[in-house]
PDB file of all heavy atoms in Angstrom:
ATOM      1  N   GLU A   1       0.807  -1.221   0.000  1.00  0.00           N
ATOM      2  CA  GLU A   1       0.000   0.000   0.000  1.00  0.00           C
ATOM      3  C   GLU A   1       0.845   1.278   0.000  1.00  0.00           C
ATOM      4  O   GLU A   1       0.297   2.386  -0.109  1.00  0.00           O
ATOM      5  CB  GLU A   1      -0.975   0.017   1.186  1.00  0.00           C
ATOM      6  CG  GLU A   1      -0.346  -0.245   2.527  1.00  0.00           C
ATOM      7  CD  GLU A   1      -0.469  -1.707   2.953  1.00  0.00           C
ATOM      8  OE1 GLU A   1      -0.246  -2.609   2.107  1.00  0.00           O
ATOM      9  OE2 GLU A   1      -0.764  -1.940   4.151  1.00  0.00           O
ATOM     10  N   ASP A   2       2.151   1.155   0.126  1.00  0.00           N
ATOM     11  CA  ASP A   2       3.034   2.308  -0.028  1.00  0.00           C
ATOM     12  C   ASP A   2       3.337   2.612  -1.498  1.00  0.00           C
ATOM     13  O   ASP A   2       3.980   3.618  -1.804  1.00  0.00           O
ATOM     14  CB  ASP A   2       4.353   2.076   0.709  1.00  0.00           C
ATOM     15  CG  ASP A   2       4.186   1.976   2.214  1.00  0.00           C
ATOM     16  OD1 ASP A   2       3.415   2.771   2.780  1.00  0.00           O
ATOM     17  OD2 ASP A   2       4.833   1.090   2.810  1.00  0.00           O
ATOM     18  N   THR A   3       2.885   1.745  -2.395  1.00  0.00           N
ATOM     19  CA  THR A   3       3.113   1.946  -3.817  1.00  0.00           C
ATOM     20  C   THR A   3       2.464   3.245  -4.283  1.00  0.00           C
ATOM     21  O   THR A   3       1.263   3.461  -4.077  1.00  0.00           O
ATOM     22  CB  THR A   3       2.565   0.765  -4.628  1.00  0.00           C
ATOM     23  OG1 THR A   3       3.314  -0.408  -4.301  1.00  0.00           O
ATOM     24  CG2 THR A   3       2.661   1.033  -6.123  1.00  0.00           C
ATOM     25  N   ALA A   4       3.259   4.117  -4.889  1.00  0.00           N
ATOM     26  CA  ALA A   4       2.770   5.431  -5.317  1.00  0.00           C
ATOM     27  C   ALA A   4       3.904   6.179  -6.014  1.00  0.00           C
ATOM     28  O   ALA A   4       5.068   5.749  -5.964  1.00  0.00           O
ATOM     29  CB  ALA A   4       2.285   6.241  -4.132  1.00  0.00           C
ATOM     30  N   VAL A   5       3.554   7.283  -6.618  1.00  0.00           N
ATOM     31  CA  VAL A   5       4.560   8.253  -7.039  1.00  0.00           C
ATOM     32  C   VAL A   5       4.796   9.192  -5.858  1.00  0.00           C
ATOM     33  O   VAL A   5       3.844   9.736  -5.293  1.00  0.00           O
ATOM     34  CB  VAL A   5       4.103   9.054  -8.265  1.00  0.00           C
ATOM     35  CG1 VAL A   5       5.152  10.103  -8.634  1.00  0.00           C
ATOM     36  CG2 VAL A   5       3.844   8.127  -9.447  1.00  0.00           C
ATOM     37  N   TYR A   6       6.058   9.331  -5.489  1.00  0.00           N
ATOM     38  CA  TYR A   6       6.418  10.163  -4.346  1.00  0.00           C
ATOM     39  C   TYR A   6       6.948  11.504  -4.841  1.00  0.00           C
ATOM     40  O   TYR A   6       7.818  11.553  -5.724  1.00  0.00           O
ATOM     41  CB  TYR A   6       7.464   9.457  -3.490  1.00  0.00           C
ATOM     42  CG  TYR A   6       6.856   8.377  -2.626  1.00  0.00           C
ATOM     43  CD1 TYR A   6       6.367   7.207  -3.194  1.00  0.00           C
ATOM     44  CD2 TYR A   6       6.741   8.544  -1.248  1.00  0.00           C
ATOM     45  CE1 TYR A   6       5.784   6.225  -2.406  1.00  0.00           C
ATOM     46  CE2 TYR A   6       6.158   7.562  -0.453  1.00  0.00           C
ATOM     47  CZ  TYR A   6       5.679   6.414  -1.041  1.00  0.00           C
ATOM     48  OH  TYR A   6       5.096   5.445  -0.258  1.00  0.00           O
ATOM     49  N   TYR A   7       6.418  12.567  -4.240  1.00  0.00           N
ATOM     50  CA  TYR A   7       6.774  13.920  -4.641  1.00  0.00           C
ATOM     51  C   TYR A   7       7.438  14.669  -3.502  1.00  0.00           C
ATOM     52  O   TYR A   7       6.979  14.623  -2.350  1.00  0.00           O
ATOM     53  CB  TYR A   7       5.526  14.695  -5.060  1.00  0.00           C
ATOM     54  CG  TYR A   7       4.829  14.159  -6.280  1.00  0.00           C
ATOM     55  CD1 TYR A   7       3.810  13.221  -6.166  1.00  0.00           C
ATOM     56  CD2 TYR A   7       5.197  14.590  -7.550  1.00  0.00           C
ATOM     57  CE1 TYR A   7       3.159  12.723  -7.282  1.00  0.00           C
ATOM     58  CE2 TYR A   7       4.557  14.104  -8.674  1.00  0.00           C
ATOM     59  CZ  TYR A   7       3.541  13.171  -8.539  1.00  0.00           C
ATOM     60  OH  TYR A   7       2.913  12.690  -9.653  1.00  0.00           O
ATOM     61  N   CYS A   8       8.461  15.402  -3.840  1.00  0.00           N
ATOM     62  CA  CYS A   8       9.098  16.337  -2.930  1.00  0.00           C
ATOM     63  C   CYS A   8       8.367  17.679  -3.025  1.00  0.00           C
ATOM     64  O   CYS A   8       8.003  18.103  -4.134  1.00  0.00           O
ATOM     65  CB  CYS A   8      10.563  16.480  -3.363  1.00  0.00           C
ATOM     66  SG  CYS A   8      11.525  17.720  -2.508  1.00  0.00           S
ATOM     67  N   ALA A   9       8.149  18.319  -1.889  1.00  0.00           N
ATOM     68  CA  ALA A   9       7.427  19.589  -1.872  1.00  0.00           C
ATOM     69  C   ALA A   9       8.225  20.640  -1.119  1.00  0.00           C
ATOM     70  O   ALA A   9       8.817  20.342  -0.070  1.00  0.00           O
ATOM     71  CB  ALA A   9       6.072  19.403  -1.214  1.00  0.00           C
ATOM     72  N   GLY A  10       8.217  21.855  -1.632  1.00  0.00           N
ATOM     73  CA  GLY A  10       8.931  22.960  -1.006  1.00  0.00           C
ATOM     74  C   GLY A  10       7.975  24.059  -0.576  1.00  0.00           C
ATOM     75  O   GLY A  10       7.130  24.490  -1.373  1.00  0.00           O
ATOM     76  N   GLY A  11       8.117  24.485   0.659  1.00  0.00           N
ATOM     77  CA  GLY A  11       7.268  25.552   1.159  1.00  0.00           C
ATOM     78  C   GLY A  11       7.789  26.928   0.781  1.00  0.00           C
ATOM     79  O   GLY A  11       8.903  27.077   0.296  1.00  0.00           O
ATOM     80  N   GLY A  12       6.977  27.948   1.053  1.00  0.00           N
ATOM     81  CA  GLY A  12       7.349  29.318   0.739  1.00  0.00           C
ATOM     82  C   GLY A  12       7.941  30.081   1.891  1.00  0.00           C
ATOM     83  O   GLY A  12       8.277  31.258   1.759  1.00  0.00           O
ATOM     84  N   SER A  13       8.086  29.411   3.043  1.00  0.00           N
ATOM     85  CA  SER A  13       8.638  30.063   4.224  1.00  0.00           C
ATOM     86  C   SER A  13       9.160  29.000   5.172  1.00  0.00           C
ATOM     87  O   SER A  13       9.153  27.811   4.834  1.00  0.00           O
ATOM     88  CB  SER A  13       7.558  30.907   4.906  1.00  0.00           C
ATOM     89  OG  SER A  13       6.604  30.070   5.541  1.00  0.00           O
ATOM     90  N   SER A  14       9.566  29.431   6.362  1.00  0.00           N
ATOM     91  CA  SER A  14      10.001  28.483   7.383  1.00  0.00           C
ATOM     92  C   SER A  14       8.862  28.090   8.311  1.00  0.00           C
ATOM     93  O   SER A  14       9.070  27.317   9.246  1.00  0.00           O
ATOM     94  CB  SER A  14      11.131  29.108   8.206  1.00  0.00           C
ATOM     95  OG  SER A  14      10.669  30.279   8.862  1.00  0.00           O
ATOM     96  N   LEU A  15       7.663  28.585   8.025  1.00  0.00           N
ATOM     97  CA  LEU A  15       6.515  28.294   8.879  1.00  0.00           C
ATOM     98  C   LEU A  15       6.286  26.800   8.997  1.00  0.00           C
ATOM     99  O   LEU A  15       6.139  26.111   7.980  1.00  0.00           O
ATOM    100  CB  LEU A  15       5.267  28.974   8.313  1.00  0.00           C
ATOM    101  CG  LEU A  15       3.956  28.686   9.045  1.00  0.00           C
ATOM    102  CD1 LEU A  15       3.996  29.269  10.450  1.00  0.00           C
ATOM    103  CD2 LEU A  15       2.770  29.231   8.262  1.00  0.00           C
ATOM    104  N   PHE A  16       6.246  26.303  10.236  1.00  0.00           N
ATOM    105  CA  PHE A  16       6.035  24.872  10.464  1.00  0.00           C
ATOM    106  C   PHE A  16       4.740  24.719  11.232  1.00  0.00           C
ATOM    107  O   PHE A  16       4.725  24.703  12.465  1.00  0.00           O
ATOM    108  CB  PHE A  16       7.220  24.282  11.237  1.00  0.00           C
ATOM    109  CG  PHE A  16       7.213  22.786  11.294  1.00  0.00           C
ATOM    110  CD1 PHE A  16       7.541  22.031  10.178  1.00  0.00           C
ATOM    111  CD2 PHE A  16       6.873  22.114  12.455  1.00  0.00           C
ATOM    112  CE1 PHE A  16       7.533  20.643  10.212  1.00  0.00           C
ATOM    113  CE2 PHE A  16       6.863  20.731  12.515  1.00  0.00           C
ATOM    114  CZ  PHE A  16       7.199  19.998  11.385  1.00  0.00           C
ATOM    115  N   SER A  17       3.659  24.619  10.489  1.00  0.00           N
ATOM    116  CA  SER A  17       2.329  24.481  11.068  1.00  0.00           C
ATOM    117  C   SER A  17       1.701  23.227  10.489  1.00  0.00           C
ATOM    118  O   SER A  17       1.367  23.195   9.299  1.00  0.00           O
ATOM    119  CB  SER A  17       1.477  25.706  10.727  1.00  0.00           C
ATOM    120  OG  SER A  17       0.124  25.485  11.042  1.00  0.00           O
ATOM    121  N   THR A  18       1.565  22.188  11.304  1.00  0.00           N
ATOM    122  CA  THR A  18       1.149  20.903  10.749  1.00  0.00           C
ATOM    123  C   THR A  18      -0.224  20.940  10.075  1.00  0.00           C
ATOM    124  O   THR A  18      -0.408  20.235   9.075  1.00  0.00           O
ATOM    125  CB  THR A  18       1.203  19.814  11.822  1.00  0.00           C
ATOM    126  OG1 THR A  18       0.516  20.233  12.990  1.00  0.00           O
ATOM    127  CG2 THR A  18       2.658  19.540  12.204  1.00  0.00           C
ATOM    128  N   PRO A  19      -1.201  21.695  10.553  1.00  0.00           N
ATOM    129  CA  PRO A  19      -2.463  21.711   9.792  1.00  0.00           C
ATOM    130  C   PRO A  19      -2.276  22.228   8.368  1.00  0.00           C
ATOM    131  O   PRO A  19      -2.952  21.761   7.450  1.00  0.00           O
ATOM    132  CB  PRO A  19      -3.345  22.662  10.614  1.00  0.00           C
ATOM    133  CG  PRO A  19      -2.799  22.576  11.990  1.00  0.00           C
ATOM    134  CD  PRO A  19      -1.324  22.433  11.803  1.00  0.00           C
ATOM    135  N   LEU A  20      -1.381  23.185   8.187  1.00  0.00           N
ATOM    136  CA  LEU A  20      -1.126  23.693   6.839  1.00  0.00           C
ATOM    137  C   LEU A  20      -0.267  22.742   6.030  1.00  0.00           C
ATOM    138  O   LEU A  20      -0.528  22.518   4.847  1.00  0.00           O
ATOM    139  CB  LEU A  20      -0.437  25.058   6.921  1.00  0.00           C
ATOM    140  CG  LEU A  20      -1.253  26.208   7.507  1.00  0.00           C
ATOM    141  CD1 LEU A  20      -0.387  27.452   7.621  1.00  0.00           C
ATOM    142  CD2 LEU A  20      -2.473  26.486   6.658  1.00  0.00           C
ATOM    143  N   LEU A  21       0.729  22.170   6.658  1.00  0.00           N
ATOM    144  CA  LEU A  21       1.699  21.356   5.934  1.00  0.00           C
ATOM    145  C   LEU A  21       1.106  20.064   5.401  1.00  0.00           C
ATOM    146  O   LEU A  21       1.647  19.469   4.481  1.00  0.00           O
ATOM    147  CB  LEU A  21       2.894  21.047   6.837  1.00  0.00           C
ATOM    148  CG  LEU A  21       3.714  22.268   7.231  1.00  0.00           C
ATOM    149  CD1 LEU A  21       4.685  21.911   8.351  1.00  0.00           C
ATOM    150  CD2 LEU A  21       4.460  22.823   6.051  1.00  0.00           C
ATOM    151  N   THR A  22       0.003  19.629   5.963  1.00  0.00           N
ATOM    152  CA  THR A  22      -0.642  18.409   5.486  1.00  0.00           C
ATOM    153  C   THR A  22      -1.620  18.676   4.351  1.00  0.00           C
ATOM    154  O   THR A  22      -2.311  17.762   3.901  1.00  0.00           O
ATOM    155  CB  THR A  22      -1.367  17.701   6.631  1.00  0.00           C
ATOM    156  OG1 THR A  22      -2.329  18.602   7.186  1.00  0.00           O
ATOM    157  CG2 THR A  22      -0.402  17.266   7.716  1.00  0.00           C
ATOM    158  N   THR A  23      -1.664  19.907   3.882  1.00  0.00           N
ATOM    159  CA  THR A  23      -2.563  20.301   2.802  1.00  0.00           C
ATOM    160  C   THR A  23      -1.764  20.558   1.535  1.00  0.00           C
ATOM    161  O   THR A  23      -0.879  21.412   1.525  1.00  0.00           O
ATOM    162  CB  THR A  23      -3.318  21.582   3.181  1.00  0.00           C
ATOM    163  OG1 THR A  23      -4.002  21.377   4.415  1.00  0.00           O
ATOM    164  CG2 THR A  23      -4.308  21.970   2.108  1.00  0.00           C
ATOM    165  N   PRO A  24      -2.033  19.850   0.449  1.00  0.00           N
ATOM    166  CA  PRO A  24      -1.253  20.049  -0.779  1.00  0.00           C
ATOM    167  C   PRO A  24      -1.213  21.499  -1.246  1.00  0.00           C
ATOM    168  O   PRO A  24      -0.191  21.945  -1.773  1.00  0.00           O
ATOM    169  CB  PRO A  24      -1.967  19.150  -1.798  1.00  0.00           C
ATOM    170  CG  PRO A  24      -2.584  18.083  -0.975  1.00  0.00           C
ATOM    171  CD  PRO A  24      -3.024  18.770   0.302  1.00  0.00           C
ATOM    172  N   GLY A  25      -2.288  22.243  -1.052  1.00  0.00           N
ATOM    173  CA  GLY A  25      -2.346  23.624  -1.522  1.00  0.00           C
ATOM    174  C   GLY A  25      -1.393  24.564  -0.834  1.00  0.00           C
ATOM    175  O   GLY A  25      -1.149  25.678  -1.321  1.00  0.00           O
ATOM    176  N   PHE A  26      -0.826  24.151   0.299  1.00  0.00           N
ATOM    177  CA  PHE A  26       0.103  25.008   1.042  1.00  0.00           C
ATOM    178  C   PHE A  26       1.440  25.156   0.323  1.00  0.00           C
ATOM    179  O   PHE A  26       2.109  26.171   0.431  1.00  0.00           O
ATOM    180  CB  PHE A  26       0.347  24.397   2.423  1.00  0.00           C
ATOM    181  CG  PHE A  26       1.484  25.033   3.186  1.00  0.00           C
ATOM    182  CD1 PHE A  26       1.294  26.203   3.889  1.00  0.00           C
ATOM    183  CD2 PHE A  26       2.740  24.455   3.195  1.00  0.00           C
ATOM    184  CE1 PHE A  26       2.340  26.800   4.589  1.00  0.00           C
ATOM    185  CE2 PHE A  26       3.789  25.029   3.889  1.00  0.00           C
ATOM    186  CZ  PHE A  26       3.588  26.202   4.582  1.00  0.00           C
ATOM    187  N   TRP A  27       1.822  24.131  -0.418  1.00  0.00           N
ATOM    188  CA  TRP A  27       3.188  24.056  -0.933  1.00  0.00           C
ATOM    189  C   TRP A  27       3.371  24.866  -2.209  1.00  0.00           C
ATOM    190  O   TRP A  27       2.528  24.855  -3.093  1.00  0.00           O
ATOM    191  CB  TRP A  27       3.554  22.596  -1.167  1.00  0.00           C
ATOM    192  CG  TRP A  27       3.476  21.837   0.130  1.00  0.00           C
ATOM    193  CD1 TRP A  27       2.389  21.199   0.649  1.00  0.00           C
ATOM    194  CD2 TRP A  27       4.530  21.694   1.084  1.00  0.00           C
ATOM    195  NE1 TRP A  27       2.709  20.658   1.875  1.00  0.00           N
ATOM    196  CE2 TRP A  27       4.000  20.945   2.161  1.00  0.00           C
ATOM    197  CE3 TRP A  27       5.855  22.112   1.145  1.00  0.00           C
ATOM    198  CZ2 TRP A  27       4.769  20.613   3.278  1.00  0.00           C
ATOM    199  CZ3 TRP A  27       6.619  21.778   2.241  1.00  0.00           C
ATOM    200  CH2 TRP A  27       6.080  21.037   3.298  1.00  0.00           C
ATOM    201  N   ASN A  28       4.518  25.507  -2.310  1.00  0.00           N
ATOM    202  CA  ASN A  28       4.809  26.377  -3.451  1.00  0.00           C
ATOM    203  C   ASN A  28       5.467  25.649  -4.614  1.00  0.00           C
ATOM    204  O   ASN A  28       5.288  26.043  -5.770  1.00  0.00           O
ATOM    205  CB  ASN A  28       5.727  27.519  -3.021  1.00  0.00           C
ATOM    206  CG  ASN A  28       5.061  28.463  -2.061  1.00  0.00           C
ATOM    207  OD1 ASN A  28       4.702  28.077  -0.953  1.00  0.00           O
ATOM    208  ND2 ASN A  28       4.875  29.706  -2.468  1.00  0.00           N
ATOM    209  N   TYR A  29       6.244  24.626  -4.295  1.00  0.00           N
ATOM    210  CA  TYR A  29       7.039  23.974  -5.338  1.00  0.00           C
ATOM    211  C   TYR A  29       6.919  22.458  -5.210  1.00  0.00           C
ATOM    212  O   TYR A  29       6.852  21.919  -4.096  1.00  0.00           O
ATOM    213  CB  TYR A  29       8.510  24.396  -5.225  1.00  0.00           C
ATOM    214  CG  TYR A  29       8.717  25.882  -5.295  1.00  0.00           C
ATOM    215  CD1 TYR A  29       8.938  26.622  -4.153  1.00  0.00           C
ATOM    216  CD2 TYR A  29       8.667  26.543  -6.520  1.00  0.00           C
ATOM    217  CE1 TYR A  29       9.108  27.987  -4.210  1.00  0.00           C
ATOM    218  CE2 TYR A  29       8.839  27.917  -6.586  1.00  0.00           C
ATOM    219  CZ  TYR A  29       9.053  28.632  -5.436  1.00  0.00           C
ATOM    220  OH  TYR A  29       9.220  29.986  -5.501  1.00  0.00           O
ATOM    221  N   TRP A  30       6.967  21.808  -6.372  1.00  0.00           N
ATOM    222  CA  TRP A  30       6.872  20.341  -6.440  1.00  0.00           C
ATOM    223  C   TRP A  30       7.929  19.791  -7.384  1.00  0.00           C
ATOM    224  O   TRP A  30       8.239  20.406  -8.419  1.00  0.00           O
ATOM    225  CB  TRP A  30       5.497  19.922  -6.951  1.00  0.00           C
ATOM    226  CG  TRP A  30       4.374  20.285  -6.039  1.00  0.00           C
ATOM    227  CD1 TRP A  30       3.627  21.423  -6.057  1.00  0.00           C
ATOM    228  CD2 TRP A  30       3.875  19.496  -4.953  1.00  0.00           C
ATOM    229  NE1 TRP A  30       2.688  21.393  -5.049  1.00  0.00           N
ATOM    230  CE2 TRP A  30       2.815  20.224  -4.360  1.00  0.00           C
ATOM    231  CE3 TRP A  30       4.204  18.242  -4.415  1.00  0.00           C
ATOM    232  CZ2 TRP A  30       2.102  19.748  -3.265  1.00  0.00           C
ATOM    233  CZ3 TRP A  30       3.488  17.767  -3.334  1.00  0.00           C
ATOM    234  CH2 TRP A  30       2.456  18.515  -2.762  1.00  0.00           C
ATOM    235  N   GLY A  31       8.424  18.610  -7.029  1.00  0.00           N
ATOM    236  CA  GLY A  31       9.287  17.894  -7.956  1.00  0.00           C
ATOM    237  C   GLY A  31       8.448  17.135  -8.966  1.00  0.00           C
ATOM    238  O   GLY A  31       7.213  17.179  -8.946  1.00  0.00           O
ATOM    239  N   GLN A  32       9.135  16.420  -9.840  1.00  0.00           N
ATOM    240  CA  GLN A  32       8.454  15.692 -10.908  1.00  0.00           C
ATOM    241  C   GLN A  32       7.935  14.335 -10.434  1.00  0.00           C
ATOM    242  O   GLN A  32       7.126  13.707 -11.125  1.00  0.00           O
ATOM    243  CB  GLN A  32       9.393  15.507 -12.108  1.00  0.00           C
ATOM    244  CG  GLN A  32      10.350  14.329 -12.014  1.00  0.00           C
ATOM    245  CD  GLN A  32      11.478  14.536 -11.001  1.00  0.00           C
ATOM    246  OE1 GLN A  32      11.667  15.621 -10.443  1.00  0.00           O
ATOM    247  NE2 GLN A  32      12.254  13.478 -10.755  1.00  0.00           N
ATOM    248  N   GLY A  33       8.401  13.889  -9.295  1.00  0.00           N
ATOM    249  CA  GLY A  33       7.952  12.615  -8.741  1.00  0.00           C
ATOM    250  C   GLY A  33       8.859  11.458  -9.077  1.00  0.00           C
ATOM    251  O   GLY A  33       9.534  11.453 -10.117  1.00  0.00           O
ATOM    252  N   THR A  34       8.878  10.458  -8.198  1.00  0.00           N
ATOM    253  CA  THR A  34       9.627   9.225  -8.427  1.00  0.00           C
ATOM    254  C   THR A  34       8.743   8.051  -8.017  1.00  0.00           C
ATOM    255  O   THR A  34       8.093   8.082  -6.968  1.00  0.00           O
ATOM    256  CB  THR A  34      10.965   9.239  -7.671  1.00  0.00           C
ATOM    257  OG1 THR A  34      11.737   8.084  -8.029  1.00  0.00           O
ATOM    258  CG2 THR A  34      10.783   9.266  -6.161  1.00  0.00           C
ATOM    259  N   GLN A  35       8.719   7.028  -8.856  1.00  0.00           N
ATOM    260  CA  GLN A  35       7.813   5.895  -8.629  1.00  0.00           C
ATOM    261  C   GLN A  35       8.416   4.931  -7.610  1.00  0.00           C
ATOM    262  O   GLN A  35       9.581   4.523  -7.729  1.00  0.00           O
ATOM    263  CB  GLN A  35       7.571   5.157  -9.951  1.00  0.00           C
ATOM    264  CG  GLN A  35       6.722   3.902  -9.816  1.00  0.00           C
ATOM    265  CD  GLN A  35       5.277   4.207  -9.506  1.00  0.00           C
ATOM    266  OE1 GLN A  35       4.656   5.065 -10.130  1.00  0.00           O
ATOM    267  NE2 GLN A  35       4.712   3.493  -8.540  1.00  0.00           N
TER     268      GLN A  35
END
């Protein structure tokens, strides 16, 4: 069940707020993914 494309995500600040960080819309940058 861990099978997936894994993506690296970069935030726009140093803010570490778990309710925000668990939301895809929070992140500013994404990698292309690795299977």
